[in-house]
Amino acid sequence: MADLTESHIAVARITDALFCSDLETGSAPTNRQLAAAIRGALKNRRDWNGCTRAVAAAFATDPTQAEAREAWCSQVAEEAFKNLVCLDE
């Protein structure tokens, strides 16, 4: 098992925030839309932990749908992290 680095944790948190966002699964958001979606999710869920709890609840309720959203969010988060999307725009 690979060690978790700060970048892995950052991508996981971004993934959870995107999961809780209003972005449509499968969409191709701009960097500005990503930043706004992440900020909005954090505000609505009150923090990173709130997003993580919401993701866990979604998997408990509908694992198939949650898995599809999580896969898309993970892909988008990886790309956002590579491009260093700034949340303070």
PDB file of N, CA and C in Angstrom:
ATOM      1  N   MET A   1       0.843  -1.173   0.000  1.00  0.00           N
ATOM      2  CA  MET A   1       0.000   0.000   0.000  1.00  0.00           C
ATOM      3  C   MET A   1       0.890   1.239   0.000  1.00  0.00           C
ATOM      4  N   ALA A   2       0.593   2.169  -0.859  1.00  0.00           N
ATOM      5  CA  ALA A   2       1.385   3.391  -0.975  1.00  0.00           C
ATOM      6  C   ALA A   2       1.104   4.315   0.207  1.00  0.00           C
ATOM      7  N   ASP A   3       2.137   5.027   0.604  1.00  0.00           N
ATOM      8  CA  ASP A   3       1.963   6.020   1.663  1.00  0.00           C
ATOM      9  C   ASP A   3       1.105   7.169   1.147  1.00  0.00           C
ATOM     10  N   LEU A   4       0.281   7.684   2.028  1.00  0.00           N
ATOM     11  CA  LEU A   4      -0.510   8.856   1.667  1.00  0.00           C
ATOM     12  C   LEU A   4       0.365  10.094   1.803  1.00  0.00           C
ATOM     13  N   THR A   5       0.405  10.868   0.760  1.00  0.00           N
ATOM     14  CA  THR A   5       1.144  12.117   0.792  1.00  0.00           C
ATOM     15  C   THR A   5       0.151  13.264   0.895  1.00  0.00           C
ATOM     16  N   GLU A   6       0.679  14.453   1.109  1.00  0.00           N
ATOM     17  CA  GLU A   6      -0.206  15.614   1.177  1.00  0.00           C
ATOM     18  C   GLU A   6      -0.992  15.784  -0.117  1.00  0.00           C
ATOM     19  N   SER A   7      -0.375  15.446  -1.248  1.00  0.00           N
ATOM     20  CA  SER A   7      -1.092  15.591  -2.517  1.00  0.00           C
ATOM     21  C   SER A   7      -2.243  14.593  -2.616  1.00  0.00           C
ATOM     22  N   HIS A   8      -2.066  13.370  -2.104  1.00  0.00           N
ATOM     23  CA  HIS A   8      -3.161  12.392  -2.102  1.00  0.00           C
ATOM     24  C   HIS A   8      -4.324  12.887  -1.245  1.00  0.00           C
ATOM     25  N   ILE A   9      -3.982  13.439  -0.098  1.00  0.00           N
ATOM     26  CA  ILE A   9      -5.013  13.949   0.804  1.00  0.00           C
ATOM     27  C   ILE A   9      -5.729  15.140   0.171  1.00  0.00           C
ATOM     28  N   ALA A  10      -4.971  16.017  -0.468  1.00  0.00           N
ATOM     29  CA  ALA A  10      -5.577  17.181  -1.129  1.00  0.00           C
ATOM     30  C   ALA A  10      -6.545  16.741  -2.219  1.00  0.00           C
ATOM     31  N   VAL A  11      -6.137  15.781  -3.040  1.00  0.00           N
ATOM     32  CA  VAL A  11      -7.006  15.296  -4.117  1.00  0.00           C
ATOM     33  C   VAL A  11      -8.250  14.628  -3.531  1.00  0.00           C
ATOM     34  N   ALA A  12      -8.094  13.879  -2.451  1.00  0.00           N
ATOM     35  CA  ALA A  12      -9.250  13.233  -1.814  1.00  0.00           C
ATOM     36  C   ALA A  12     -10.236  14.275  -1.293  1.00  0.00           C
ATOM     37  N   ARG A  13      -9.726  15.331  -0.712  1.00  0.00           N
ATOM     38  CA  ARG A  13     -10.607  16.382  -0.196  1.00  0.00           C
ATOM     39  C   ARG A  13     -11.302  17.129  -1.328  1.00  0.00           C
ATOM     40  N   ILE A  14     -10.567  17.414  -2.386  1.00  0.00           N
ATOM     41  CA  ILE A  14     -11.177  18.069  -3.545  1.00  0.00           C
ATOM     42  C   ILE A  14     -12.260  17.167  -4.134  1.00  0.00           C
ATOM     43  N   THR A  15     -11.969  15.869  -4.213  1.00  0.00           N
ATOM     44  CA  THR A  15     -12.941  14.905  -4.730  1.00  0.00           C
ATOM     45  C   THR A  15     -14.222  14.943  -3.902  1.00  0.00           C
ATOM     46  N   ASP A  16     -14.090  14.929  -2.584  1.00  0.00           N
ATOM     47  CA  ASP A  16     -15.271  14.963  -1.716  1.00  0.00           C
ATOM     48  C   ASP A  16     -16.059  16.256  -1.888  1.00  0.00           C
ATOM     49  N   ALA A  17     -15.349  17.375  -2.002  1.00  0.00           N
ATOM     50  CA  ALA A  17     -16.040  18.657  -2.191  1.00  0.00           C
ATOM     51  C   ALA A  17     -16.784  18.679  -3.523  1.00  0.00           C
ATOM     52  N   LEU A  18     -16.149  18.171  -4.574  1.00  0.00           N
ATOM     53  CA  LEU A  18     -16.815  18.118  -5.879  1.00  0.00           C
ATOM     54  C   LEU A  18     -18.035  17.203  -5.826  1.00  0.00           C
ATOM     55  N   PHE A  19     -17.919  16.097  -5.105  1.00  0.00           N
ATOM     56  CA  PHE A  19     -19.028  15.163  -4.945  1.00  0.00           C
ATOM     57  C   PHE A  19     -20.239  15.890  -4.358  1.00  0.00           C
ATOM     58  N   CYS A  20     -19.997  16.802  -3.435  1.00  0.00           N
ATOM     59  CA  CYS A  20     -21.073  17.536  -2.753  1.00  0.00           C
ATOM     60  C   CYS A  20     -21.508  18.793  -3.492  1.00  0.00           C
ATOM     61  N   SER A  21     -20.858  19.077  -4.592  1.00  0.00           N
ATOM     62  CA  SER A  21     -21.150  20.308  -5.329  1.00  0.00           C
ATOM     63  C   SER A  21     -22.378  20.154  -6.223  1.00  0.00           C
ATOM     64  N   ASP A  22     -22.761  21.272  -6.829  1.00  0.00           N
ATOM     65  CA  ASP A  22     -23.886  21.280  -7.763  1.00  0.00           C
ATOM     66  C   ASP A  22     -23.468  20.940  -9.190  1.00  0.00           C
ATOM     67  N   LEU A  23     -22.177  20.682  -9.407  1.00  0.00           N
ATOM     68  CA  LEU A  23     -21.721  20.345 -10.757  1.00  0.00           C
ATOM     69  C   LEU A  23     -22.351  19.039 -11.214  1.00  0.00           C
ATOM     70  N   GLU A  24     -22.721  18.987 -12.470  1.00  0.00           N
ATOM     71  CA  GLU A  24     -23.346  17.795 -13.032  1.00  0.00           C
ATOM     72  C   GLU A  24     -22.278  16.757 -13.359  1.00  0.00           C
ATOM     73  N   THR A  25     -22.506  15.522 -12.942  1.00  0.00           N
ATOM     74  CA  THR A  25     -21.583  14.435 -13.255  1.00  0.00           C
ATOM     75  C   THR A  25     -21.409  14.340 -14.762  1.00  0.00           C
ATOM     76  N   GLY A  26     -20.158  14.278 -15.196  1.00  0.00           N
ATOM     77  CA  GLY A  26     -19.856  14.173 -16.619  1.00  0.00           C
ATOM     78  C   GLY A  26     -19.610  15.503 -17.294  1.00  0.00           C
ATOM     79  N   SER A  27     -19.869  16.604 -16.586  1.00  0.00           N
ATOM     80  CA  SER A  27     -19.643  17.919 -17.189  1.00  0.00           C
ATOM     81  C   SER A  27     -18.146  18.216 -17.258  1.00  0.00           C
ATOM     82  N   ALA A  28     -17.816  19.257 -17.989  1.00  0.00           N
ATOM     83  CA  ALA A  28     -16.416  19.684 -18.133  1.00  0.00           C
ATOM     84  C   ALA A  28     -16.294  21.119 -17.630  1.00  0.00           C
ATOM     85  N   PRO A  29     -16.264  21.301 -16.305  1.00  0.00           N
ATOM     86  CA  PRO A  29     -16.250  22.650 -15.747  1.00  0.00           C
ATOM     87  C   PRO A  29     -14.927  23.375 -15.990  1.00  0.00           C
ATOM     88  N   THR A  30     -15.022  24.687 -16.071  1.00  0.00           N
ATOM     89  CA  THR A  30     -13.822  25.516 -16.185  1.00  0.00           C
ATOM     90  C   THR A  30     -13.155  25.593 -14.809  1.00  0.00           C
ATOM     91  N   ASN A  31     -11.939  26.105 -14.781  1.00  0.00           N
ATOM     92  CA  ASN A  31     -11.253  26.270 -13.500  1.00  0.00           C
ATOM     93  C   ASN A  31     -12.041  27.178 -12.567  1.00  0.00           C
ATOM     94  N   ARG A  32     -12.614  28.230 -13.106  1.00  0.00           N
ATOM     95  CA  ARG A  32     -13.415  29.154 -12.293  1.00  0.00           C
ATOM     96  C   ARG A  32     -14.646  28.434 -11.721  1.00  0.00           C
ATOM     97  N   GLN A  33     -15.307  27.613 -12.537  1.00  0.00           N
ATOM     98  CA  GLN A  33     -16.467  26.858 -12.063  1.00  0.00           C
ATOM     99  C   GLN A  33     -16.062  25.847 -10.990  1.00  0.00           C
ATOM    100  N   LEU A  34     -14.915  25.201 -11.189  1.00  0.00           N
ATOM    101  CA  LEU A  34     -14.423  24.250 -10.189  1.00  0.00           C
ATOM    102  C   LEU A  34     -14.181  24.940  -8.856  1.00  0.00           C
ATOM    103  N   ALA A  35     -13.483  26.061  -8.908  1.00  0.00           N
ATOM    104  CA  ALA A  35     -13.177  26.785  -7.675  1.00  0.00           C
ATOM    105  C   ALA A  35     -14.458  27.204  -6.965  1.00  0.00           C
ATOM    106  N   ALA A  36     -15.420  27.722  -7.715  1.00  0.00           N
ATOM    107  CA  ALA A  36     -16.691  28.146  -7.121  1.00  0.00           C
ATOM    108  C   ALA A  36     -17.447  26.952  -6.539  1.00  0.00           C
ATOM    109  N   ALA A  37     -17.424  25.829  -7.241  1.00  0.00           N
ATOM    110  CA  ALA A  37     -18.125  24.629  -6.770  1.00  0.00           C
ATOM    111  C   ALA A  37     -17.505  24.103  -5.478  1.00  0.00           C
ATOM    112  N   ILE A  38     -16.194  24.100  -5.409  1.00  0.00           N
ATOM    113  CA  ILE A  38     -15.505  23.620  -4.210  1.00  0.00           C
ATOM    114  C   ILE A  38     -15.790  24.549  -3.036  1.00  0.00           C
ATOM    115  N   ARG A  39     -15.662  25.853  -3.267  1.00  0.00           N
ATOM    116  CA  ARG A  39     -15.958  26.816  -2.198  1.00  0.00           C
ATOM    117  C   ARG A  39     -17.402  26.669  -1.720  1.00  0.00           C
ATOM    118  N   GLY A  40     -18.333  26.520  -2.668  1.00  0.00           N
ATOM    119  CA  GLY A  40     -19.744  26.374  -2.315  1.00  0.00           C
ATOM    120  C   GLY A  40     -20.017  25.119  -1.506  1.00  0.00           C
ATOM    121  N   ALA A  41     -19.414  24.018  -1.902  1.00  0.00           N
ATOM    122  CA  ALA A  41     -19.612  22.760  -1.174  1.00  0.00           C
ATOM    123  C   ALA A  41     -19.062  22.864   0.243  1.00  0.00           C
ATOM    124  N   LEU A  42     -17.896  23.476   0.374  1.00  0.00           N
ATOM    125  CA  LEU A  42     -17.311  23.640   1.712  1.00  0.00           C
ATOM    126  C   LEU A  42     -18.185  24.530   2.591  1.00  0.00           C
ATOM    127  N   LYS A  43     -18.738  25.559   2.003  1.00  0.00           N
ATOM    128  CA  LYS A  43     -19.619  26.453   2.765  1.00  0.00           C
ATOM    129  C   LYS A  43     -20.898  25.722   3.174  1.00  0.00           C
ATOM    130  N   ASN A  44     -21.507  25.011   2.221  1.00  0.00           N
ATOM    131  CA  ASN A  44     -22.761  24.308   2.498  1.00  0.00           C
ATOM    132  C   ASN A  44     -22.594  23.171   3.495  1.00  0.00           C
ATOM    133  N   ARG A  45     -21.460  22.483   3.429  1.00  0.00           N
ATOM    134  CA  ARG A  45     -21.211  21.332   4.319  1.00  0.00           C
ATOM    135  C   ARG A  45     -20.399  21.728   5.549  1.00  0.00           C
ATOM    136  N   ARG A  46     -20.042  22.989   5.621  1.00  0.00           N
ATOM    137  CA  ARG A  46     -19.344  23.608   6.745  1.00  0.00           C
ATOM    138  C   ARG A  46     -17.859  23.289   6.843  1.00  0.00           C
ATOM    139  N   ASP A  47     -17.344  22.341   6.102  1.00  0.00           N
ATOM    140  CA  ASP A  47     -15.907  22.080   6.073  1.00  0.00           C
ATOM    141  C   ASP A  47     -15.632  20.804   5.288  1.00  0.00           C
ATOM    142  N   TRP A  48     -14.350  20.437   5.244  1.00  0.00           N
ATOM    143  CA  TRP A  48     -13.961  19.222   4.520  1.00  0.00           C
ATOM    144  C   TRP A  48     -14.608  17.987   5.135  1.00  0.00           C
ATOM    145  N   ASN A  49     -14.660  17.921   6.464  1.00  0.00           N
ATOM    146  CA  ASN A  49     -15.237  16.748   7.119  1.00  0.00           C
ATOM    147  C   ASN A  49     -16.723  16.601   6.820  1.00  0.00           C
ATOM    148  N   GLY A  50     -17.415  17.709   6.694  1.00  0.00           N
ATOM    149  CA  GLY A  50     -18.828  17.654   6.329  1.00  0.00           C
ATOM    150  C   GLY A  50     -19.025  17.059   4.945  1.00  0.00           C
ATOM    151  N   CYS A  51     -18.123  17.402   4.030  1.00  0.00           N
ATOM    152  CA  CYS A  51     -18.183  16.821   2.680  1.00  0.00           C
ATOM    153  C   CYS A  51     -17.943  15.319   2.742  1.00  0.00           C
ATOM    154  N   THR A  52     -16.943  14.911   3.517  1.00  0.00           N
ATOM    155  CA  THR A  52     -16.618  13.487   3.630  1.00  0.00           C
ATOM    156  C   THR A  52     -17.787  12.709   4.222  1.00  0.00           C
ATOM    157  N   ARG A  53     -18.438  13.277   5.227  1.00  0.00           N
ATOM    158  CA  ARG A  53     -19.610  12.607   5.816  1.00  0.00           C
ATOM    159  C   ARG A  53     -20.738  12.471   4.796  1.00  0.00           C
ATOM    160  N   ALA A  54     -20.940  13.493   3.980  1.00  0.00           N
ATOM    161  CA  ALA A  54     -21.993  13.445   2.958  1.00  0.00           C
ATOM    162  C   ALA A  54     -21.693  12.378   1.908  1.00  0.00           C
ATOM    163  N   VAL A  55     -20.428  12.239   1.541  1.00  0.00           N
ATOM    164  CA  VAL A  55     -20.039  11.203   0.575  1.00  0.00           C
ATOM    165  C   VAL A  55     -20.321   9.823   1.167  1.00  0.00           C
ATOM    166  N   ALA A  56     -19.947   9.617   2.418  1.00  0.00           N
ATOM    167  CA  ALA A  56     -20.197   8.326   3.070  1.00  0.00           C
ATOM    168  C   ALA A  56     -21.691   8.015   3.111  1.00  0.00           C
ATOM    169  N   ALA A  57     -22.494   9.013   3.413  1.00  0.00           N
ATOM    170  CA  ALA A  57     -23.948   8.816   3.453  1.00  0.00           C
ATOM    171  C   ALA A  57     -24.492   8.464   2.074  1.00  0.00           C
ATOM    172  N   ALA A  58     -23.958   9.093   1.034  1.00  0.00           N
ATOM    173  CA  ALA A  58     -24.408   8.799  -0.333  1.00  0.00           C
ATOM    174  C   ALA A  58     -24.083   7.361  -0.711  1.00  0.00           C
ATOM    175  N   PHE A  59     -22.907   6.878  -0.314  1.00  0.00           N
ATOM    176  CA  PHE A  59     -22.543   5.492  -0.610  1.00  0.00           C
ATOM    177  C   PHE A  59     -23.434   4.517   0.149  1.00  0.00           C
ATOM    178  N   ALA A  60     -23.853   4.881   1.349  1.00  0.00           N
ATOM    179  CA  ALA A  60     -24.745   4.019   2.124  1.00  0.00           C
ATOM    180  C   ALA A  60     -26.140   3.972   1.512  1.00  0.00           C
ATOM    181  N   THR A  61     -26.565   5.075   0.912  1.00  0.00           N
ATOM    182  CA  THR A  61     -27.907   5.178   0.342  1.00  0.00           C
ATOM    183  C   THR A  61     -28.006   4.554  -1.043  1.00  0.00           C
ATOM    184  N   ASP A  62     -27.079   4.896  -1.929  1.00  0.00           N
ATOM    185  CA  ASP A  62     -27.117   4.418  -3.315  1.00  0.00           C
ATOM    186  C   ASP A  62     -25.693   4.221  -3.830  1.00  0.00           C
ATOM    187  N   PRO A  63     -25.090   3.076  -3.510  1.00  0.00           N
ATOM    188  CA  PRO A  63     -23.683   2.851  -3.847  1.00  0.00           C
ATOM    189  C   PRO A  63     -23.375   2.927  -5.343  1.00  0.00           C
ATOM    190  N   THR A  64     -24.268   2.478  -6.180  1.00  0.00           N
ATOM    191  CA  THR A  64     -24.011   2.484  -7.621  1.00  0.00           C
ATOM    192  C   THR A  64     -23.920   3.907  -8.151  1.00  0.00           C
ATOM    193  N   GLN A  65     -24.878   4.730  -7.797  1.00  0.00           N
ATOM    194  CA  GLN A  65     -24.868   6.121  -8.236  1.00  0.00           C
ATOM    195  C   GLN A  65     -23.689   6.870  -7.617  1.00  0.00           C
ATOM    196  N   ALA A  66     -23.421   6.610  -6.349  1.00  0.00           N
ATOM    197  CA  ALA A  66     -22.306   7.281  -5.668  1.00  0.00           C
ATOM    198  C   ALA A  66     -20.972   6.897  -6.300  1.00  0.00           C
ATOM    199  N   GLU A  67     -20.828   5.650  -6.690  1.00  0.00           N
ATOM    200  CA  GLU A  67     -19.582   5.196  -7.314  1.00  0.00           C
ATOM    201  C   GLU A  67     -19.333   5.918  -8.636  1.00  0.00           C
ATOM    202  N   ALA A  68     -20.373   6.083  -9.428  1.00  0.00           N
ATOM    203  CA  ALA A  68     -20.228   6.782 -10.710  1.00  0.00           C
ATOM    204  C   ALA A  68     -19.843   8.243 -10.485  1.00  0.00           C
ATOM    205  N   ARG A  69     -20.482   8.884  -9.526  1.00  0.00           N
ATOM    206  CA  ARG A  69     -20.155  10.294  -9.244  1.00  0.00           C
ATOM    207  C   ARG A  69     -18.736  10.403  -8.685  1.00  0.00           C
ATOM    208  N   GLU A  70     -18.384   9.507  -7.791  1.00  0.00           N
ATOM    209  CA  GLU A  70     -17.048   9.530  -7.188  1.00  0.00           C
ATOM    210  C   GLU A  70     -15.960   9.359  -8.251  1.00  0.00           C
ATOM    211  N   ALA A  71     -16.191   8.480  -9.214  1.00  0.00           N
ATOM    212  CA  ALA A  71     -15.201   8.271 -10.280  1.00  0.00           C
ATOM    213  C   ALA A  71     -14.999   9.552 -11.085  1.00  0.00           C
ATOM    214  N   TRP A  72     -16.093  10.210 -11.441  1.00  0.00           N
ATOM    215  CA  TRP A  72     -15.991  11.463 -12.190  1.00  0.00           C
ATOM    216  C   TRP A  72     -15.314  12.537 -11.346  1.00  0.00           C
ATOM    217  N   CYS A  73     -15.727  12.666 -10.090  1.00  0.00           N
ATOM    218  CA  CYS A  73     -15.142  13.681  -9.204  1.00  0.00           C
ATOM    219  C   CYS A  73     -13.650  13.452  -9.010  1.00  0.00           C
ATOM    220  N   SER A  74     -13.266  12.211  -8.886  1.00  0.00           N
ATOM    221  CA  SER A  74     -11.850  11.886  -8.712  1.00  0.00           C
ATOM    222  C   SER A  74     -11.039  12.297  -9.932  1.00  0.00           C
ATOM    223  N   GLN A  75     -11.564  12.011 -11.100  1.00  0.00           N
ATOM    224  CA  GLN A  75     -10.883  12.385 -12.344  1.00  0.00           C
ATOM    225  C   GLN A  75     -10.753  13.908 -12.443  1.00  0.00           C
ATOM    226  N   VAL A  76     -11.818  14.618 -12.151  1.00  0.00           N
ATOM    227  CA  VAL A  76     -11.802  16.082 -12.219  1.00  0.00           C
ATOM    228  C   VAL A  76     -10.856  16.651 -11.158  1.00  0.00           C
ATOM    229  N   ALA A  77     -10.869  16.074  -9.959  1.00  0.00           N
ATOM    230  CA  ALA A  77      -9.994  16.548  -8.883  1.00  0.00           C
ATOM    231  C   ALA A  77      -8.522  16.354  -9.233  1.00  0.00           C
ATOM    232  N   GLU A  78      -8.190  15.206  -9.807  1.00  0.00           N
ATOM    233  CA  GLU A  78      -6.799  14.952 -10.232  1.00  0.00           C
ATOM    234  C   GLU A  78      -6.352  16.001 -11.233  1.00  0.00           C
ATOM    235  N   GLU A  79      -7.200  16.285 -12.196  1.00  0.00           N
ATOM    236  CA  GLU A  79      -6.865  17.278 -13.221  1.00  0.00           C
ATOM    237  C   GLU A  79      -6.761  18.676 -12.609  1.00  0.00           C
ATOM    238  N   ALA A  80      -7.670  19.003 -11.720  1.00  0.00           N
ATOM    239  CA  ALA A  80      -7.635  20.316 -11.058  1.00  0.00           C
ATOM    240  C   ALA A  80      -6.361  20.466 -10.238  1.00  0.00           C
ATOM    241  N   PHE A  81      -5.980  19.418  -9.541  1.00  0.00           N
ATOM    242  CA  PHE A  81      -4.777  19.477  -8.719  1.00  0.00           C
ATOM    243  C   PHE A  81      -3.540  19.639  -9.594  1.00  0.00           C
ATOM    244  N   LYS A  82      -3.512  18.940 -10.718  1.00  0.00           N
ATOM    245  CA  LYS A  82      -2.383  19.083 -11.654  1.00  0.00           C
ATOM    246  C   LYS A  82      -2.279  20.513 -12.153  1.00  0.00           C
ATOM    247  N   ASN A  83      -3.428  21.131 -12.397  1.00  0.00           N
ATOM    248  CA  ASN A  83      -3.458  22.504 -12.907  1.00  0.00           C
ATOM    249  C   ASN A  83      -3.461  23.541 -11.788  1.00  0.00           C
ATOM    250  N   LEU A  84      -3.428  23.069 -10.547  1.00  0.00           N
ATOM    251  CA  LEU A  84      -3.407  23.948  -9.373  1.00  0.00           C
ATOM    252  C   LEU A  84      -4.493  25.016  -9.421  1.00  0.00           C
ATOM    253  N   VAL A  85      -5.727  24.555  -9.459  1.00  0.00           N
ATOM    254  CA  VAL A  85      -6.868  25.466  -9.442  1.00  0.00           C
ATOM    255  C   VAL A  85      -6.837  26.259  -8.141  1.00  0.00           C
ATOM    256  N   CYS A  86      -6.915  27.549  -8.262  1.00  0.00           N
ATOM    257  CA  CYS A  86      -6.870  28.447  -7.105  1.00  0.00           C
ATOM    258  C   CYS A  86      -8.284  28.665  -6.575  1.00  0.00           C
ATOM    259  N   LEU A  87      -8.475  28.411  -5.286  1.00  0.00           N
ATOM    260  CA  LEU A  87      -9.797  28.578  -4.680  1.00  0.00           C
ATOM    261  C   LEU A  87     -10.068  30.013  -4.259  1.00  0.00           C
ATOM    262  N   ASP A  88      -9.055  30.859  -4.316  1.00  0.00           N
ATOM    263  CA  ASP A  88      -9.200  32.236  -3.839  1.00  0.00           C
ATOM    264  C   ASP A  88      -9.427  33.236  -4.956  1.00  0.00           C
ATOM    265  N   GLU A  89     -10.036  32.829  -6.042  1.00  0.00           N
ATOM    266  CA  GLU A  89     -10.261  33.738  -7.172  1.00  0.00           C
ATOM    267  C   GLU A  89     -11.298  34.764  -6.827  1.00  0.00           C
TER     268      GLU A  89
END
